[in-house]
Amino acid sequence: MGSNFRFLSLSALVALGTASAAVSASAADLSFEVTGHQPAGGKLRAALFADSASFLEAPLKTVEVAASDVSIVVFRDLQVGTYAVTVYQDNNSNNRLDRGLFNIPTEPYGFSRDARGDGGPPKFRDAQIELREPSAKFTVKLR
């Protein structure tokens, strides 16, 4: 699945990273409600990134959930810090984000903070979110 997320970086997919200054002794959960997806359309695949160096290349964690009316992706046992997430809907269950003309994704994808790039994927700083509580919930909108 690692090569899958490297591919996603090249096709402007989904992101989360940690450049944390504060570290907590207890683990926290980071949840994302996914919107804009097709409820009966395959699986949602998400990758969590910890910093700009690993963003879209080497996820800290990955999660896969079945698409449903209300789809929640949860990354468990994280330290307090800064992260970014990518999510895409694998409609045809081929374990990759399909692309069309000019490498434009043909399956729904999105980034934390609804980040977008100029002619490619966004930067880590545009997608980064802060995990400061024992648990936090954000939204990722697929396009």
Protein backbone atom coordinates (compact mmCIF):
# COMPACT_ATOMS: atom_id res chain seq x y z
CA MET A 1 0.00 0.00 0.00
CA GLY A 2 3.05 2.30 0.44
CA SER A 3 3.58 2.65 -3.30
CA ASN A 4 -0.12 3.49 -3.57
CA PHE A 5 0.35 6.61 -1.47
CA ARG A 6 3.49 7.60 -3.36
CA PHE A 7 1.34 7.43 -6.48
CA LEU A 8 -1.24 9.60 -4.78
CA SER A 9 1.33 12.31 -4.23
CA LEU A 10 2.06 12.40 -7.92
CA SER A 11 -1.63 12.64 -8.75
CA ALA A 12 -2.55 15.29 -6.21
CA LEU A 13 -4.28 13.27 -3.56
CA VAL A 14 -4.93 13.46 0.19
CA ALA A 15 -2.55 14.58 3.30
CA LEU A 16 -1.66 14.78 7.00
CA GLY A 17 1.69 15.44 8.78
CA THR A 18 3.28 15.95 12.19
CA ALA A 19 5.76 18.70 12.89
CA SER A 20 5.03 18.66 16.56
CA ALA A 21 6.55 20.77 19.23
CA ALA A 22 4.37 19.48 22.03
CA VAL A 23 4.30 15.81 22.93
CA SER A 24 1.77 14.16 25.18
CA ALA A 25 2.32 11.12 27.34
CA SER A 26 -1.14 9.84 26.46
CA ALA A 27 -2.33 8.75 23.04
CA ALA A 28 -5.00 10.68 21.15
CA ASP A 29 -7.41 9.81 18.34
CA LEU A 30 -7.82 11.91 15.22
CA SER A 31 -11.10 11.49 13.31
CA PHE A 32 -12.17 12.74 9.90
CA GLU A 33 -15.71 12.76 8.62
CA VAL A 34 -15.48 12.26 4.87
CA THR A 35 -18.01 14.14 2.70
CA GLY A 36 -18.52 14.39 -1.05
CA HIS A 37 -18.10 10.66 -1.62
CA GLN A 38 -20.44 8.10 -3.16
CA PRO A 39 -21.92 6.14 -0.22
CA ALA A 40 -22.05 2.84 -2.14
CA GLY A 41 -18.82 3.32 -4.08
CA GLY A 42 -16.07 1.09 -2.77
CA LYS A 43 -13.61 1.95 -0.02
CA LEU A 44 -12.18 5.16 1.36
CA ARG A 45 -8.42 5.06 1.75
CA ALA A 46 -6.71 7.58 4.00
CA ALA A 47 -3.09 8.39 4.82
CA LEU A 48 -1.79 10.39 7.77
CA PHE A 49 1.43 12.36 7.44
CA ALA A 50 3.59 13.75 10.22
CA ASP A 51 5.69 16.41 8.50
CA SER A 52 6.48 18.14 5.23
CA ALA A 53 9.42 15.83 4.48
CA SER A 54 7.19 12.73 4.43
CA PHE A 55 4.07 14.42 3.02
CA LEU A 56 2.56 12.34 0.19
CA GLU A 57 5.60 10.04 0.24
CA ALA A 58 5.72 8.08 3.51
CA PRO A 59 2.53 8.01 5.59
CA LEU A 60 2.77 7.65 9.35
CA LYS A 61 -0.44 5.56 9.28
CA THR A 62 -3.01 4.43 6.75
CA VAL A 63 -6.67 3.52 7.23
CA GLU A 64 -9.26 1.95 4.95
CA VAL A 65 -13.04 2.03 5.57
CA ALA A 66 -16.08 1.06 3.54
CA ALA A 67 -17.89 4.04 2.02
CA SER A 68 -21.28 4.62 3.66
CA ASP A 69 -23.78 7.42 4.22
CA VAL A 70 -21.66 8.70 7.12
CA SER A 71 -18.02 7.71 6.69
CA ILE A 72 -15.55 8.32 9.50
CA VAL A 73 -11.82 7.65 9.25
CA VAL A 74 -10.02 7.35 12.60
CA PHE A 75 -6.29 7.38 13.28
CA ARG A 76 -5.67 6.03 16.79
CA ASP A 77 -2.88 6.31 19.34
CA LEU A 78 -1.30 9.54 18.11
CA GLN A 79 0.77 12.05 20.00
CA VAL A 80 -0.41 15.64 20.24
CA GLY A 81 1.04 17.52 17.27
CA THR A 82 0.63 18.69 13.70
CA TYR A 83 -0.66 16.36 10.99
CA ALA A 84 -2.09 16.33 7.46
CA VAL A 85 -4.34 13.75 5.81
CA THR A 86 -5.19 12.58 2.32
CA VAL A 87 -8.30 10.57 1.44
CA TYR A 88 -9.53 9.09 -1.80
CA GLN A 89 -12.42 6.84 -2.78
CA ASP A 90 -11.30 3.66 -4.50
CA ASN A 91 -14.48 3.08 -6.50
CA ASN A 92 -13.20 0.08 -8.43
CA SER A 93 -11.17 -1.51 -5.57
CA ASN A 94 -7.90 -1.55 -7.50
CA ASN A 95 -5.96 -0.07 -4.53
CA ARG A 96 -4.88 3.07 -6.35
CA LEU A 97 -6.19 6.50 -7.27
CA ASP A 98 -7.14 6.28 -10.93
CA ARG A 99 -6.05 9.10 -13.23
CA GLY A 100 -7.13 10.36 -16.60
CA LEU A 101 -5.85 12.93 -19.04
CA PHE A 102 -2.97 15.06 -17.70
CA ASN A 103 -2.76 12.84 -14.57
CA ILE A 104 -5.98 14.34 -13.22
CA PRO A 105 -7.61 11.99 -10.70
CA THR A 106 -10.82 10.35 -11.94
CA GLU A 107 -11.85 9.13 -8.47
CA PRO A 108 -12.89 11.47 -5.64
CA TYR A 109 -10.01 12.71 -3.44
CA GLY A 110 -9.38 15.37 -0.83
CA PHE A 111 -7.00 16.80 1.76
CA SER A 112 -7.36 17.99 5.31
CA ARG A 113 -8.36 21.67 5.59
CA ASP A 114 -9.76 21.33 2.05
CA ALA A 115 -6.26 22.16 0.82
CA ARG A 116 -5.65 22.57 -2.91
CA GLY A 117 -2.51 23.02 -4.92
CA ASP A 118 -1.69 25.06 -8.00
CA GLY A 119 -1.47 22.52 -10.81
CA GLY A 120 -0.59 19.70 -8.40
CA PRO A 121 -0.93 18.59 -4.81
CA PRO A 122 -1.03 21.16 -2.02
CA LYS A 123 1.86 21.75 0.36
CA PHE A 124 1.90 20.19 3.82
CA ARG A 125 1.45 23.60 5.44
CA ASP A 126 -1.82 24.10 3.50
CA ALA A 127 -3.26 20.79 4.76
CA GLN A 128 -1.88 20.74 8.31
CA ILE A 129 -4.15 20.51 11.33
CA GLU A 130 -3.35 20.56 15.03
CA LEU A 131 -4.15 17.69 17.38
CA ARG A 132 -4.17 19.21 20.85
CA GLU A 133 -6.88 17.28 22.71
CA PRO A 134 -7.25 13.61 23.65
CA SER A 135 -9.37 13.42 20.52
CA ALA A 136 -10.23 15.74 17.65
CA LYS A 137 -12.59 15.58 14.68
CA PHE A 138 -12.21 17.32 11.32
CA THR A 139 -13.80 17.04 7.88
CA VAL A 140 -12.28 16.04 4.54
CA LYS A 141 -14.32 16.94 1.48
CA LEU A 142 -13.74 14.78 -1.58
CA ARG A 143 -13.90 16.33 -5.04
